[in-house]
Amino acid sequence: MMNMFAGPAAITTTLFGIVALVTVGIGTYWLFNKQARLKHIVELRKKLDELKPSDPEYGAVRALYTSMVIDAERWGFLRSDSESSDHSGSGHHSDGDHVGDSGAGGDHH
């Protein structure tokens, strides 16, 4: 009588264990991925602040930074961080610093 329940119980326990390990693995990956992405966003922000709009790589750095910020907001990496802080020191930036800097001289009508 016990052998009839031992087989399904072992299979069920094994499946629950595998599901638990996969869940912990995905959670750990997500946490480290989040930290790495936020670190890269901060590094790109520093590089963007160092560059002038006339630099040849400015457009590429700005496009990559903007893309990473949009992705981070979509995945919820910045949403909770920026709401809990006073927007000081977070990786999020409104890109208001460089608006209008692209045309240093000349008429853009």
PDB file of N, CA and C in Angstrom:
ATOM      1  N   MET A   1       0.815  -1.185   0.000  1.00  0.00           N
ATOM      2  CA  MET A   1       0.000   0.000   0.000  1.00  0.00           C
ATOM      3  C   MET A   1       0.866   1.258   0.000  1.00  0.00           C
ATOM      4  N   MET A   2       1.991   1.268   0.715  1.00  0.00           N
ATOM      5  CA  MET A   2       2.851   2.446   0.787  1.00  0.00           C
ATOM      6  C   MET A   2       3.577   2.701  -0.529  1.00  0.00           C
ATOM      7  N   ASN A   3       3.896   1.635  -1.276  1.00  0.00           N
ATOM      8  CA  ASN A   3       4.584   1.810  -2.555  1.00  0.00           C
ATOM      9  C   ASN A   3       3.696   2.546  -3.556  1.00  0.00           C
ATOM     10  N   MET A   4       2.412   2.435  -3.392  1.00  0.00           N
ATOM     11  CA  MET A   4       1.494   3.098  -4.307  1.00  0.00           C
ATOM     12  C   MET A   4       1.570   4.627  -4.146  1.00  0.00           C
ATOM     13  N   PHE A   5       1.877   5.116  -2.951  1.00  0.00           N
ATOM     14  CA  PHE A   5       1.972   6.553  -2.702  1.00  0.00           C
ATOM     15  C   PHE A   5       3.402   7.073  -2.757  1.00  0.00           C
ATOM     16  N   ALA A   6       4.375   6.214  -2.577  1.00  0.00           N
ATOM     17  CA  ALA A   6       5.773   6.641  -2.516  1.00  0.00           C
ATOM     18  C   ALA A   6       6.256   7.171  -3.863  1.00  0.00           C
ATOM     19  N   GLY A   7       5.892   6.529  -4.955  1.00  0.00           N
ATOM     20  CA  GLY A   7       6.330   6.958  -6.292  1.00  0.00           C
ATOM     21  C   GLY A   7       5.817   8.351  -6.654  1.00  0.00           C
ATOM     22  N   PRO A   8       4.494   8.581  -6.595  1.00  0.00           N
ATOM     23  CA  PRO A   8       3.974   9.915  -6.915  1.00  0.00           C
ATOM     24  C   PRO A   8       4.451  10.999  -5.947  1.00  0.00           C
ATOM     25  N   ALA A   9       4.632  10.645  -4.684  1.00  0.00           N
ATOM     26  CA  ALA A   9       5.114  11.623  -3.708  1.00  0.00           C
ATOM     27  C   ALA A   9       6.547  12.042  -4.023  1.00  0.00           C
ATOM     28  N   ALA A  10       7.376  11.097  -4.415  1.00  0.00           N
ATOM     29  CA  ALA A  10       8.762  11.423  -4.767  1.00  0.00           C
ATOM     30  C   ALA A  10       8.815  12.294  -6.018  1.00  0.00           C
ATOM     31  N   ILE A  11       7.990  11.985  -6.993  1.00  0.00           N
ATOM     32  CA  ILE A  11       7.951  12.791  -8.222  1.00  0.00           C
ATOM     33  C   ILE A  11       7.455  14.204  -7.924  1.00  0.00           C
ATOM     34  N   THR A  12       6.423  14.320  -7.113  1.00  0.00           N
ATOM     35  CA  THR A  12       5.883  15.628  -6.758  1.00  0.00           C
ATOM     36  C   THR A  12       6.907  16.451  -5.985  1.00  0.00           C
ATOM     37  N   THR A  13       7.590  15.844  -5.029  1.00  0.00           N
ATOM     38  CA  THR A  13       8.613  16.541  -4.251  1.00  0.00           C
ATOM     39  C   THR A  13       9.760  16.988  -5.149  1.00  0.00           C
ATOM     40  N   THR A  14      10.164  16.138  -6.058  1.00  0.00           N
ATOM     41  CA  THR A  14      11.241  16.493  -6.987  1.00  0.00           C
ATOM     42  C   THR A  14      10.828  17.670  -7.871  1.00  0.00           C
ATOM     43  N   LEU A  15       9.617  17.641  -8.402  1.00  0.00           N
ATOM     44  CA  LEU A  15       9.142  18.737  -9.242  1.00  0.00           C
ATOM     45  C   LEU A  15       9.058  20.049  -8.467  1.00  0.00           C
ATOM     46  N   PHE A  16       8.560  20.006  -7.237  1.00  0.00           N
ATOM     47  CA  PHE A  16       8.509  21.215  -6.423  1.00  0.00           C
ATOM     48  C   PHE A  16       9.913  21.753  -6.148  1.00  0.00           C
ATOM     49  N   GLY A  17      10.858  20.860  -5.903  1.00  0.00           N
ATOM     50  CA  GLY A  17      12.243  21.278  -5.678  1.00  0.00           C
ATOM     51  C   GLY A  17      12.847  21.934  -6.903  1.00  0.00           C
ATOM     52  N   ILE A  18      12.602  21.359  -8.066  1.00  0.00           N
ATOM     53  CA  ILE A  18      13.128  21.935  -9.310  1.00  0.00           C
ATOM     54  C   ILE A  18      12.510  23.305  -9.566  1.00  0.00           C
ATOM     55  N   VAL A  19      11.205  23.431  -9.379  1.00  0.00           N
ATOM     56  CA  VAL A  19      10.528  24.719  -9.575  1.00  0.00           C
ATOM     57  C   VAL A  19      11.075  25.760  -8.592  1.00  0.00           C
ATOM     58  N   ALA A  20      11.321  25.361  -7.359  1.00  0.00           N
ATOM     59  CA  ALA A  20      11.862  26.291  -6.367  1.00  0.00           C
ATOM     60  C   ALA A  20      13.269  26.740  -6.751  1.00  0.00           C
ATOM     61  N   LEU A  21      14.111  25.827  -7.205  1.00  0.00           N
ATOM     62  CA  LEU A  21      15.466  26.190  -7.612  1.00  0.00           C
ATOM     63  C   LEU A  21      15.465  27.113  -8.826  1.00  0.00           C
ATOM     64  N   VAL A  22      14.605  26.840  -9.778  1.00  0.00           N
ATOM     65  CA  VAL A  22      14.508  27.705 -10.963  1.00  0.00           C
ATOM     66  C   VAL A  22      14.034  29.103 -10.557  1.00  0.00           C
ATOM     67  N   THR A  23      13.065  29.167  -9.664  1.00  0.00           N
ATOM     68  CA  THR A  23      12.566  30.466  -9.203  1.00  0.00           C
ATOM     69  C   THR A  23      13.648  31.260  -8.487  1.00  0.00           C
ATOM     70  N   VAL A  24      14.391  30.628  -7.621  1.00  0.00           N
ATOM     71  CA  VAL A  24      15.484  31.301  -6.913  1.00  0.00           C
ATOM     72  C   VAL A  24      16.560  31.737  -7.909  1.00  0.00           C
ATOM     73  N   GLY A  25      16.871  30.909  -8.870  1.00  0.00           N
ATOM     74  CA  GLY A  25      17.867  31.254  -9.885  1.00  0.00           C
ATOM     75  C   GLY A  25      17.460  32.454 -10.717  1.00  0.00           C
ATOM     76  N   ILE A  26      16.213  32.485 -11.157  1.00  0.00           N
ATOM     77  CA  ILE A  26      15.725  33.623 -11.946  1.00  0.00           C
ATOM     78  C   ILE A  26      15.700  34.897 -11.099  1.00  0.00           C
ATOM     79  N   GLY A  27      15.299  34.795  -9.860  1.00  0.00           N
ATOM     80  CA  GLY A  27      15.287  35.961  -8.971  1.00  0.00           C
ATOM     81  C   GLY A  27      16.683  36.516  -8.740  1.00  0.00           C
ATOM     82  N   THR A  28      17.643  35.638  -8.544  1.00  0.00           N
ATOM     83  CA  THR A  28      19.034  36.065  -8.348  1.00  0.00           C
ATOM     84  C   THR A  28      19.572  36.723  -9.612  1.00  0.00           C
ATOM     85  N   TYR A  29      19.300  36.125 -10.763  1.00  0.00           N
ATOM     86  CA  TYR A  29      19.734  36.711 -12.029  1.00  0.00           C
ATOM     87  C   TYR A  29      19.127  38.095 -12.221  1.00  0.00           C
ATOM     88  N   TRP A  30      17.838  38.244 -11.933  1.00  0.00           N
ATOM     89  CA  TRP A  30      17.164  39.523 -12.118  1.00  0.00           C
ATOM     90  C   TRP A  30      17.781  40.581 -11.216  1.00  0.00           C
ATOM     91  N   LEU A  31      18.084  40.220  -9.963  1.00  0.00           N
ATOM     92  CA  LEU A  31      18.658  41.175  -9.025  1.00  0.00           C
ATOM     93  C   LEU A  31      20.033  41.647  -9.490  1.00  0.00           C
ATOM     94  N   PHE A  32      20.906  40.715  -9.874  1.00  0.00           N
ATOM     95  CA  PHE A  32      22.242  41.100 -10.325  1.00  0.00           C
ATOM     96  C   PHE A  32      22.181  41.827 -11.665  1.00  0.00           C
ATOM     97  N   ASN A  33      21.270  41.449 -12.538  1.00  0.00           N
ATOM     98  CA  ASN A  33      21.105  42.128 -13.810  1.00  0.00           C
ATOM     99  C   ASN A  33      20.648  43.565 -13.587  1.00  0.00           C
ATOM    100  N   LYS A  34      19.753  43.767 -12.637  1.00  0.00           N
ATOM    101  CA  LYS A  34      19.269  45.108 -12.313  1.00  0.00           C
ATOM    102  C   LYS A  34      20.414  45.979 -11.815  1.00  0.00           C
ATOM    103  N   GLN A  35      21.217  45.451 -10.907  1.00  0.00           N
ATOM    104  CA  GLN A  35      22.332  46.223 -10.368  1.00  0.00           C
ATOM    105  C   GLN A  35      23.350  46.562 -11.456  1.00  0.00           C
ATOM    106  N   ALA A  36      23.622  45.622 -12.345  1.00  0.00           N
ATOM    107  CA  ALA A  36      24.581  45.857 -13.429  1.00  0.00           C
ATOM    108  C   ALA A  36      24.050  46.905 -14.395  1.00  0.00           C
ATOM    109  N   ARG A  37      22.782  46.836 -14.733  1.00  0.00           N
ATOM    110  CA  ARG A  37      22.212  47.819 -15.658  1.00  0.00           C
ATOM    111  C   ARG A  37      22.207  49.214 -15.047  1.00  0.00           C
ATOM    112  N   LEU A  38      21.853  49.335 -13.778  1.00  0.00           N
ATOM    113  CA  LEU A  38      21.868  50.643 -13.132  1.00  0.00           C
ATOM    114  C   LEU A  38      23.291  51.208 -13.074  1.00  0.00           C
ATOM    115  N   LYS A  39      24.260  50.344 -12.848  1.00  0.00           N
ATOM    116  CA  LYS A  39      25.661  50.770 -12.834  1.00  0.00           C
ATOM    117  C   LYS A  39      26.070  51.279 -14.213  1.00  0.00           C
ATOM    118  N   HIS A  40      25.666  50.578 -15.271  1.00  0.00           N
ATOM    119  CA  HIS A  40      25.999  51.009 -16.623  1.00  0.00           C
ATOM    120  C   HIS A  40      25.315  52.323 -16.982  1.00  0.00           C
ATOM    121  N   ILE A  41      24.098  52.514 -16.511  1.00  0.00           N
ATOM    122  CA  ILE A  41      23.395  53.767 -16.774  1.00  0.00           C
ATOM    123  C   ILE A  41      24.122  54.930 -16.119  1.00  0.00           C
ATOM    124  N   VAL A  42      24.588  54.749 -14.891  1.00  0.00           N
ATOM    125  CA  VAL A  42      25.317  55.805 -14.194  1.00  0.00           C
ATOM    126  C   VAL A  42      26.627  56.115 -14.921  1.00  0.00           C
ATOM    127  N   GLU A  43      27.323  55.081 -15.383  1.00  0.00           N
ATOM    128  CA  GLU A  43      28.574  55.298 -16.117  1.00  0.00           C
ATOM    129  C   GLU A  43      28.321  56.050 -17.423  1.00  0.00           C
ATOM    130  N   LEU A  44      27.271  55.681 -18.143  1.00  0.00           N
ATOM    131  CA  LEU A  44      26.944  56.384 -19.380  1.00  0.00           C
ATOM    132  C   LEU A  44      26.543  57.830 -19.110  1.00  0.00           C
ATOM    133  N   ARG A  45      25.837  58.069 -18.007  1.00  0.00           N
ATOM    134  CA  ARG A  45      25.451  59.442 -17.655  1.00  0.00           C
ATOM    135  C   ARG A  45      26.698  60.293 -17.416  1.00  0.00           C
ATOM    136  N   LYS A  46      27.692  59.729 -16.711  1.00  0.00           N
ATOM    137  CA  LYS A  46      28.941  60.461 -16.465  1.00  0.00           C
ATOM    138  C   LYS A  46      29.655  60.764 -17.775  1.00  0.00           C
ATOM    139  N   LYS A  47      29.705  59.778 -18.670  1.00  0.00           N
ATOM    140  CA  LYS A  47      30.358  59.985 -19.966  1.00  0.00           C
ATOM    141  C   LYS A  47      29.614  61.029 -20.783  1.00  0.00           C
ATOM    142  N   LEU A  48      28.288  60.995 -20.750  1.00  0.00           N
ATOM    143  CA  LEU A  48      27.490  61.969 -21.486  1.00  0.00           C
ATOM    144  C   LEU A  48      27.717  63.374 -20.935  1.00  0.00           C
ATOM    145  N   ASP A  49      27.865  63.495 -19.615  1.00  0.00           N
ATOM    146  CA  ASP A  49      28.137  64.804 -19.018  1.00  0.00           C
ATOM    147  C   ASP A  49      29.513  65.336 -19.404  1.00  0.00           C
ATOM    148  N   GLU A  50      30.472  64.430 -19.623  1.00  0.00           N
ATOM    149  CA  GLU A  50      31.823  64.844 -19.995  1.00  0.00           C
ATOM    150  C   GLU A  50      31.912  65.279 -21.456  1.00  0.00           C
ATOM    151  N   LEU A  51      31.066  64.711 -22.304  1.00  0.00           N
ATOM    152  CA  LEU A  51      31.123  65.005 -23.733  1.00  0.00           C
ATOM    153  C   LEU A  51      30.418  66.314 -24.058  1.00  0.00           C
ATOM    154  N   LYS A  52      30.883  66.954 -25.113  1.00  0.00           N
ATOM    155  CA  LYS A  52      30.219  68.137 -25.639  1.00  0.00           C
ATOM    156  C   LYS A  52      29.355  67.688 -26.820  1.00  0.00           C
ATOM    157  N   PRO A  53      28.291  68.415 -27.097  1.00  0.00           N
ATOM    158  CA  PRO A  53      27.439  68.033 -28.233  1.00  0.00           C
ATOM    159  C   PRO A  53      28.183  68.012 -29.569  1.00  0.00           C
ATOM    160  N   SER A  54      29.288  68.712 -29.657  1.00  0.00           N
ATOM    161  CA  SER A  54      30.046  68.727 -30.913  1.00  0.00           C
ATOM    162  C   SER A  54      30.964  67.510 -31.047  1.00  0.00           C
ATOM    163  N   ASP A  55      31.153  66.741 -29.984  1.00  0.00           N
ATOM    164  CA  ASP A  55      31.993  65.540 -30.062  1.00  0.00           C
ATOM    165  C   ASP A  55      31.341  64.507 -30.972  1.00  0.00           C
ATOM    166  N   PRO A  56      32.157  63.788 -31.762  1.00  0.00           N
ATOM    167  CA  PRO A  56      31.593  62.818 -32.703  1.00  0.00           C
ATOM    168  C   PRO A  56      30.825  61.674 -32.047  1.00  0.00           C
ATOM    169  N   GLU A  57      31.194  61.268 -30.850  1.00  0.00           N
ATOM    170  CA  GLU A  57      30.512  60.132 -30.214  1.00  0.00           C
ATOM    171  C   GLU A  57      29.369  60.561 -29.304  1.00  0.00           C
ATOM    172  N   TYR A  58      29.104  61.856 -29.211  1.00  0.00           N
ATOM    173  CA  TYR A  58      28.038  62.351 -28.340  1.00  0.00           C
ATOM    174  C   TYR A  58      26.678  61.755 -28.714  1.00  0.00           C
ATOM    175  N   GLY A  59      26.346  61.758 -30.002  1.00  0.00           N
ATOM    176  CA  GLY A  59      25.047  61.251 -30.443  1.00  0.00           C
ATOM    177  C   GLY A  59      24.862  59.778 -30.118  1.00  0.00           C
ATOM    178  N   ALA A  60      25.915  58.990 -30.325  1.00  0.00           N
ATOM    179  CA  ALA A  60      25.820  57.554 -30.047  1.00  0.00           C
ATOM    180  C   ALA A  60      25.673  57.293 -28.551  1.00  0.00           C
ATOM    181  N   VAL A  61      26.422  58.019 -27.726  1.00  0.00           N
ATOM    182  CA  VAL A  61      26.338  57.836 -26.271  1.00  0.00           C
ATOM    183  C   VAL A  61      24.970  58.267 -25.764  1.00  0.00           C
ATOM    184  N   ARG A  62      24.482  59.389 -26.291  1.00  0.00           N
ATOM    185  CA  ARG A  62      23.166  59.869 -25.855  1.00  0.00           C
ATOM    186  C   ARG A  62      22.067  58.887 -26.265  1.00  0.00           C
ATOM    187  N   ALA A  63      22.150  58.347 -27.475  1.00  0.00           N
ATOM    188  CA  ALA A  63      21.147  57.382 -27.932  1.00  0.00           C
ATOM    189  C   ALA A  63      21.175  56.116 -27.074  1.00  0.00           C
ATOM    190  N   LEU A  64      22.377  55.622 -26.767  1.00  0.00           N
ATOM    191  CA  LEU A  64      22.494  54.425 -25.932  1.00  0.00           C
ATOM    192  C   LEU A  64      21.976  54.685 -24.524  1.00  0.00           C
ATOM    193  N   TYR A  65      22.332  55.845 -23.963  1.00  0.00           N
ATOM    194  CA  TYR A  65      21.864  56.201 -22.621  1.00  0.00           C
ATOM    195  C   TYR A  65      20.338  56.283 -22.587  1.00  0.00           C
ATOM    196  N   THR A  66      19.763  56.970 -23.576  1.00  0.00           N
ATOM    197  CA  THR A  66      18.312  57.115 -23.625  1.00  0.00           C
ATOM    198  C   THR A  66      17.632  55.757 -23.757  1.00  0.00           C
ATOM    199  N   SER A  67      18.179  54.905 -24.598  1.00  0.00           N
ATOM    200  CA  SER A  67      17.625  53.569 -24.779  1.00  0.00           C
ATOM    201  C   SER A  67      17.689  52.758 -23.487  1.00  0.00           C
ATOM    202  N   MET A  68      18.808  52.848 -22.783  1.00  0.00           N
ATOM    203  CA  MET A  68      18.951  52.092 -21.532  1.00  0.00           C
ATOM    204  C   MET A  68      18.001  52.611 -20.460  1.00  0.00           C
ATOM    205  N   VAL A  69      17.798  53.934 -20.397  1.00  0.00           N
ATOM    206  CA  VAL A  69      16.877  54.495 -19.410  1.00  0.00           C
ATOM    207  C   VAL A  69      15.441  54.061 -19.718  1.00  0.00           C
ATOM    208  N   ILE A  70      15.075  54.077 -20.998  1.00  0.00           N
ATOM    209  CA  ILE A  70      13.724  53.646 -21.382  1.00  0.00           C
ATOM    210  C   ILE A  70      13.522  52.173 -21.025  1.00  0.00           C
ATOM    211  N   ASP A  71      14.515  51.345 -21.328  1.00  0.00           N
ATOM    212  CA  ASP A  71      14.412  49.921 -20.981  1.00  0.00           C
ATOM    213  C   ASP A  71      14.332  49.726 -19.473  1.00  0.00           C
ATOM    214  N   ALA A  72      15.131  50.470 -18.724  1.00  0.00           N
ATOM    215  CA  ALA A  72      15.128  50.334 -17.263  1.00  0.00           C
ATOM    216  C   ALA A  72      13.781  50.743 -16.687  1.00  0.00           C
ATOM    217  N   GLU A  73      13.184  51.790 -17.228  1.00  0.00           N
ATOM    218  CA  GLU A  73      11.861  52.195 -16.745  1.00  0.00           C
ATOM    219  C   GLU A  73      10.804  51.160 -17.113  1.00  0.00           C
ATOM    220  N   ARG A  74      10.922  50.598 -18.306  1.00  0.00           N
ATOM    221  CA  ARG A  74       9.965  49.586 -18.751  1.00  0.00           C
ATOM    222  C   ARG A  74      10.018  48.353 -17.855  1.00  0.00           C
ATOM    223  N   TRP A  75      11.219  47.959 -17.454  1.00  0.00           N
ATOM    224  CA  TRP A  75      11.386  46.778 -16.607  1.00  0.00           C
ATOM    225  C   TRP A  75      11.203  47.090 -15.127  1.00  0.00           C
ATOM    226  N   GLY A  76      10.983  48.365 -14.803  1.00  0.00           N
ATOM    227  CA  GLY A  76      10.744  48.741 -13.412  1.00  0.00           C
ATOM    228  C   GLY A  76      12.005  48.946 -12.603  1.00  0.00           C
ATOM    229  N   PHE A  77      13.164  49.057 -13.253  1.00  0.00           N
ATOM    230  CA  PHE A  77      14.408  49.238 -12.521  1.00  0.00           C
ATOM    231  C   PHE A  77      14.503  50.636 -11.930  1.00  0.00           C
ATOM    232  N   LEU A  78      14.020  51.635 -12.618  1.00  0.00           N
ATOM    233  CA  LEU A  78      14.138  53.015 -12.150  1.00  0.00           C
ATOM    234  C   LEU A  78      12.883  53.500 -11.445  1.00  0.00           C
ATOM    235  N   ARG A  79      11.753  52.949 -11.772  1.00  0.00           N
ATOM    236  CA  ARG A  79      10.497  53.452 -11.247  1.00  0.00           C
ATOM    237  C   ARG A  79      10.484  53.429  -9.722  1.00  0.00           C
ATOM    238  N   SER A  80      10.804  52.314  -9.126  1.00  0.00           N
ATOM    239  CA  SER A  80      10.769  52.221  -7.663  1.00  0.00           C
ATOM    240  C   SER A  80      11.927  52.970  -7.026  1.00  0.00           C
ATOM    241  N   ASP A  81      13.090  52.983  -7.682  1.00  0.00           N
ATOM    242  CA  ASP A  81      14.248  53.676  -7.130  1.00  0.00           C
ATOM    243  C   ASP A  81      14.041  55.174  -7.145  1.00  0.00           C
ATOM    244  N   SER A  82      13.536  55.727  -8.221  1.00  0.00           N
ATOM    245  CA  SER A  82      13.392  57.171  -8.323  1.00  0.00           C
ATOM    246  C   SER A  82      12.239  57.683  -7.470  1.00  0.00           C
ATOM    247  N   GLU A  83      11.208  56.878  -7.256  1.00  0.00           N
ATOM    248  CA  GLU A  83      10.109  57.316  -6.413  1.00  0.00           C
ATOM    249  C   GLU A  83      10.485  57.297  -4.939  1.00  0.00           C
ATOM    250  N   SER A  84      11.347  56.379  -4.549  1.00  0.00           N
ATOM    251  CA  SER A  84      11.703  56.286  -3.140  1.00  0.00           C
ATOM    252  C   SER A  84      12.758  57.309  -2.760  1.00  0.00           C
ATOM    253  N   SER A  85      13.546  57.787  -3.721  1.00  0.00           N
ATOM    254  CA  SER A  85      14.538  58.805  -3.427  1.00  0.00           C
ATOM    255  C   SER A  85      14.015  60.160  -3.869  1.00  0.00           C
ATOM    256  N   ASP A  86      14.769  61.189  -3.571  1.00  0.00           N
ATOM    257  CA  ASP A  86      14.373  62.541  -3.941  1.00  0.00           C
ATOM    258  C   ASP A  86      14.913  62.932  -5.301  1.00  0.00           C
ATOM    259  N   HIS A  87      15.111  61.983  -6.183  1.00  0.00           N
ATOM    260  CA  HIS A  87      15.682  62.182  -7.512  1.00  0.00           C
ATOM    261  C   HIS A  87      17.103  62.710  -7.426  1.00  0.00           C
ATOM    262  N   SER A  88      17.762  62.495  -6.324  1.00  0.00           N
ATOM    263  CA  SER A  88      19.152  62.918  -6.206  1.00  0.00           C
ATOM    264  C   SER A  88      20.031  61.689  -6.178  1.00  0.00           C
ATOM    265  N   GLY A  89      20.912  61.605  -7.149  1.00  0.00           N
ATOM    266  CA  GLY A  89      21.833  60.497  -7.195  1.00  0.00           C
ATOM    267  C   GLY A  89      21.286  59.253  -7.861  1.00  0.00           C
ATOM    268  N   SER A  90      20.059  59.286  -8.340  1.00  0.00           N
ATOM    269  CA  SER A  90      19.550  58.110  -9.027  1.00  0.00           C
ATOM    270  C   SER A  90      20.039  58.116 -10.455  1.00  0.00           C
ATOM    271  N   GLY A  91      19.920  56.993 -11.138  1.00  0.00           N
ATOM    272  CA  GLY A  91      20.394  56.885 -12.506  1.00  0.00           C
ATOM    273  C   GLY A  91      19.491  57.594 -13.498  1.00  0.00           C
ATOM    274  N   HIS A  92      18.338  58.033 -13.084  1.00  0.00           N
ATOM    275  CA  HIS A  92      17.391  58.650 -13.999  1.00  0.00           C
ATOM    276  C   HIS A  92      17.742  60.112 -14.213  1.00  0.00           C
ATOM    277  N   HIS A  93      17.602  60.557 -15.453  1.00  0.00           N
ATOM    278  CA  HIS A  93      17.888  61.944 -15.771  1.00  0.00           C
ATOM    279  C   HIS A  93      16.917  62.399 -16.831  1.00  0.00           C
ATOM    280  N   SER A  94      16.493  63.642 -16.758  1.00  0.00           N
ATOM    281  CA  SER A  94      15.463  64.118 -17.670  1.00  0.00           C
ATOM    282  C   SER A  94      16.009  64.599 -18.994  1.00  0.00           C
ATOM    283  N   ASP A  95      17.316  64.609 -19.192  1.00  0.00           N
ATOM    284  CA  ASP A  95      17.963  65.065 -20.416  1.00  0.00           C
ATOM    285  C   ASP A  95      17.718  66.540 -20.676  1.00  0.00           C
ATOM    286  N   GLY A  96      17.422  67.315 -19.671  1.00  0.00           N
ATOM    287  CA  GLY A  96      17.189  68.739 -19.847  1.00  0.00           C
ATOM    288  C   GLY A  96      18.466  69.548 -19.929  1.00  0.00           C
ATOM    289  N   ASP A  97      19.615  68.969 -19.584  1.00  0.00           N
ATOM    290  CA  ASP A  97      20.862  69.716 -19.570  1.00  0.00           C
ATOM    291  C   ASP A  97      21.352  70.069 -20.959  1.00  0.00           C
ATOM    292  N   HIS A  98      21.098  69.227 -21.914  1.00  0.00           N
ATOM    293  CA  HIS A  98      21.732  69.381 -23.211  1.00  0.00           C
ATOM    294  C   HIS A  98      20.777  69.847 -24.296  1.00  0.00           C
ATOM    295  N   VAL A  99      19.585  70.238 -23.947  1.00  0.00           N
ATOM    296  CA  VAL A  99      18.629  70.675 -24.948  1.00  0.00           C
ATOM    297  C   VAL A  99      19.076  72.017 -25.498  1.00  0.00           C
ATOM    298  N   GLY A 100      19.140  72.123 -26.794  1.00  0.00           N
ATOM    299  CA  GLY A 100      19.528  73.367 -27.431  1.00  0.00           C
ATOM    300  C   GLY A 100      21.025  73.533 -27.601  1.00  0.00           C
ATOM    301  N   ASP A 101      21.823  72.592 -27.126  1.00  0.00           N
ATOM    302  CA  ASP A 101      23.266  72.703 -27.239  1.00  0.00           C
ATOM    303  C   ASP A 101      23.778  72.266 -28.601  1.00  0.00           C
ATOM    304  N   SER A 102      22.936  71.608 -29.387  1.00  0.00           N
ATOM    305  CA  SER A 102      23.426  71.040 -30.646  1.00  0.00           C
ATOM    306  C   SER A 102      23.760  72.119 -31.662  1.00  0.00           C
ATOM    307  N   GLY A 103      23.141  73.252 -31.613  1.00  0.00           N
ATOM    308  CA  GLY A 103      23.447  74.322 -32.548  1.00  0.00           C
ATOM    309  C   GLY A 103      24.103  75.475 -31.832  1.00  0.00           C
ATOM    310  N   ALA A 104      25.411  75.442 -31.687  1.00  0.00           N
ATOM    311  CA  ALA A 104      26.102  76.473 -30.931  1.00  0.00           C
ATOM    312  C   ALA A 104      26.066  77.807 -31.647  1.00  0.00           C
ATOM    313  N   GLY A 105      26.100  77.803 -32.939  1.00  0.00           N
ATOM    314  CA  GLY A 105      26.051  79.057 -33.665  1.00  0.00           C
ATOM    315  C   GLY A 105      25.278  78.868 -34.946  1.00  0.00           C
ATOM    316  N   GLY A 106      24.415  79.783 -35.241  1.00  0.00           N
ATOM    317  CA  GLY A 106      23.670  79.668 -36.478  1.00  0.00           C
ATOM    318  C   GLY A 106      22.189  79.784 -36.233  1.00  0.00           C
ATOM    319  N   ASP A 107      21.470  79.993 -37.311  1.00  0.00           N
ATOM    320  CA  ASP A 107      20.038  80.176 -37.226  1.00  0.00           C
ATOM    321  C   ASP A 107      19.356  78.872 -37.625  1.00  0.00           C
ATOM    322  N   HIS A 108      18.472  78.361 -36.792  1.00  0.00           N
ATOM    323  CA  HIS A 108      17.832  77.069 -37.034  1.00  0.00           C
ATOM    324  C   HIS A 108      16.367  77.223 -37.379  1.00  0.00           C
ATOM    325  N   HIS A 109      16.014  78.160 -38.231  1.00  0.00           N
ATOM    326  CA  HIS A 109      14.611  78.345 -38.605  1.00  0.00           C
ATOM    327  C   HIS A 109      14.272  77.548 -39.795  1.00  0.00           C
TER     328      HIS A 109
END
